[in-house]
Amino acid sequence: VQLQASGGGLVQPGGSLRLSCAASGDIFKINKMYWYRQAPGKQRELVASITSGGTTTYVGSVKGRFTVSRDNPKKTMYLQMNSLKPEDTGVYYCNGVVTTTLTTNEYWGQGTLVTVSS
């Protein structure tokens, strides 16, 4: 099983980006999925989560600006980020709890860099 994150880049404050996390491999079901981020010199923090049924949670600093969603048939999760601020800068990682034909494990994507700067 692999998770591939993409969509990062350089954006000005107030701008928008859409991140994607595509899962592939021997997948029976993708359970809860998460977006984390790690700013330079800081610990990785949980940004948002979404269950297989679509229930979402957000860290307080992104509420009202970020929206997490998923397309289950496409095995893909998204993070729409609006009104971006310099403090949103960091490497964004996706994480998912995936059930295969043999087991259930947690998997991480490789990260995609988001830089918010003028």
Protein backbone atom coordinates (compact mmCIF):
# COMPACT_ATOMS: atom_id res chain seq x y z
CA VAL A 1 0.00 0.00 0.00
CA GLN A 2 1.27 3.47 -0.89
CA LEU A 3 -0.04 6.95 -0.18
CA GLN A 4 1.07 9.64 -2.60
CA ALA A 5 0.66 13.27 -1.55
CA SER A 6 0.76 16.04 -4.13
CA GLY A 7 -0.33 19.61 -4.79
CA GLY A 8 2.06 21.62 -2.67
CA GLY A 9 3.85 24.72 -3.88
CA LEU A 10 4.55 28.39 -3.32
CA VAL A 11 1.55 30.65 -2.77
CA GLN A 12 1.08 34.21 -1.59
CA PRO A 13 -0.72 34.98 1.67
CA GLY A 14 -4.44 34.88 1.11
CA GLY A 15 -4.09 32.37 -1.70
CA SER A 16 -5.34 28.82 -2.08
CA LEU A 17 -3.95 25.37 -2.72
CA ARG A 18 -5.51 21.94 -3.02
CA LEU A 19 -3.58 18.95 -1.79
CA SER A 20 -4.33 15.39 -2.86
CA CYS A 21 -3.46 12.05 -1.29
CA ALA A 22 -3.93 9.05 -3.54
CA ALA A 23 -3.81 5.52 -2.18
CA SER A 24 -2.80 2.50 -4.21
CA GLY A 25 -2.08 -1.17 -3.69
CA ASP A 26 -3.88 -4.11 -2.14
CA ILE A 27 -6.68 -2.11 -0.53
CA PHE A 28 -9.90 -3.58 0.79
CA LYS A 29 -10.99 -0.47 2.69
CA ILE A 30 -9.53 2.89 3.64
CA ASN A 31 -10.69 3.79 7.11
CA LYS A 32 -9.91 7.10 8.79
CA MET A 33 -7.52 9.43 6.98
CA TYR A 34 -5.52 12.37 8.26
CA TRP A 35 -3.54 15.39 7.13
CA TYR A 36 -0.57 16.39 9.26
CA ARG A 37 1.92 19.19 8.78
CA GLN A 38 5.37 19.96 10.08
CA ALA A 39 6.62 23.51 10.10
CA PRO A 40 10.37 24.21 10.13
CA GLY A 41 11.74 23.59 13.61
CA LYS A 42 8.43 22.38 14.99
CA GLN A 43 6.80 19.08 15.75
CA ARG A 44 4.39 17.44 13.35
CA GLU A 45 0.79 18.42 14.12
CA LEU A 46 -2.55 17.01 13.11
CA VAL A 47 -4.39 19.39 10.80
CA ALA A 48 -7.53 17.52 9.78
CA SER A 49 -9.13 14.10 9.71
CA ILE A 50 -11.96 12.42 7.86
CA THR A 51 -13.69 9.11 8.47
CA SER A 52 -14.79 6.74 5.74
CA GLY A 53 -18.29 8.13 6.22
CA GLY A 54 -17.17 11.72 5.78
CA THR A 55 -17.08 13.00 9.36
CA THR A 56 -14.39 15.66 9.65
CA THR A 57 -12.35 17.33 12.38
CA TYR A 58 -9.91 20.24 12.22
CA VAL A 59 -7.27 21.85 14.37
CA GLY A 60 -8.49 25.22 15.58
CA SER A 61 -6.03 27.29 13.57
CA VAL A 62 -7.43 26.07 10.21
CA LYS A 63 -11.15 25.92 10.96
CA GLY A 64 -13.12 27.90 8.43
CA ARG A 65 -10.18 28.02 6.01
CA PHE A 66 -9.36 24.37 5.24
CA THR A 67 -11.73 21.67 4.04
CA VAL A 68 -10.86 17.97 4.02
CA SER A 69 -12.78 15.64 1.72
CA ARG A 70 -12.39 12.25 0.11
CA ASP A 71 -13.48 10.34 -2.95
CA ASN A 72 -13.76 6.73 -1.82
CA PRO A 73 -14.05 5.11 -5.28
CA LYS A 74 -10.91 6.99 -6.34
CA LYS A 75 -9.17 6.16 -3.02
CA THR A 76 -8.17 9.80 -2.76
CA MET A 77 -8.32 12.40 0.01
CA TYR A 78 -8.11 16.15 -0.54
CA LEU A 79 -7.29 19.21 1.51
CA GLN A 80 -8.63 22.48 0.13
CA MET A 81 -6.68 25.29 1.77
CA ASN A 82 -8.00 28.83 1.45
CA SER A 83 -6.93 32.16 2.95
CA LEU A 84 -3.47 30.76 3.48
CA LYS A 85 -1.19 32.40 6.02
CA PRO A 86 2.61 32.30 6.38
CA GLU A 87 2.15 30.14 9.49
CA ASP A 88 0.57 27.46 7.29
CA THR A 89 4.00 26.88 5.74
CA GLY A 90 5.33 23.37 6.20
CA VAL A 91 5.51 19.88 4.83
CA TYR A 92 2.05 18.32 4.65
CA TYR A 93 1.75 14.58 5.13
CA CYS A 94 -1.20 12.32 4.59
CA ASN A 95 -1.86 9.32 6.77
CA GLY A 96 -4.41 6.59 6.51
CA VAL A 97 -5.57 3.45 8.28
CA VAL A 98 -5.91 0.91 5.52
CA THR A 99 -7.39 -2.57 5.58
CA THR A 100 -5.90 -4.95 3.05
CA THR A 101 -6.85 -8.57 2.37
CA LEU A 102 -4.49 -9.60 5.16
CA THR A 103 -4.37 -6.90 7.83
CA THR A 104 -5.05 -3.34 8.92
CA ASN A 105 -2.16 -0.91 9.21
CA GLU A 106 -1.33 2.77 9.28
CA TYR A 107 0.45 4.22 6.26
CA TRP A 108 2.15 7.57 5.60
CA GLY A 109 2.58 9.52 2.40
CA GLN A 110 5.90 11.12 1.53
CA GLY A 111 4.89 14.74 2.20
CA THR A 112 4.37 17.75 -0.01
CA LEU A 113 5.85 21.19 0.74
CA VAL A 114 3.57 24.19 1.13
CA THR A 115 5.23 27.60 1.30
CA VAL A 116 3.13 30.69 1.98
CA SER A 117 5.16 33.79 1.33
CA SER A 118 5.02 37.07 -0.51
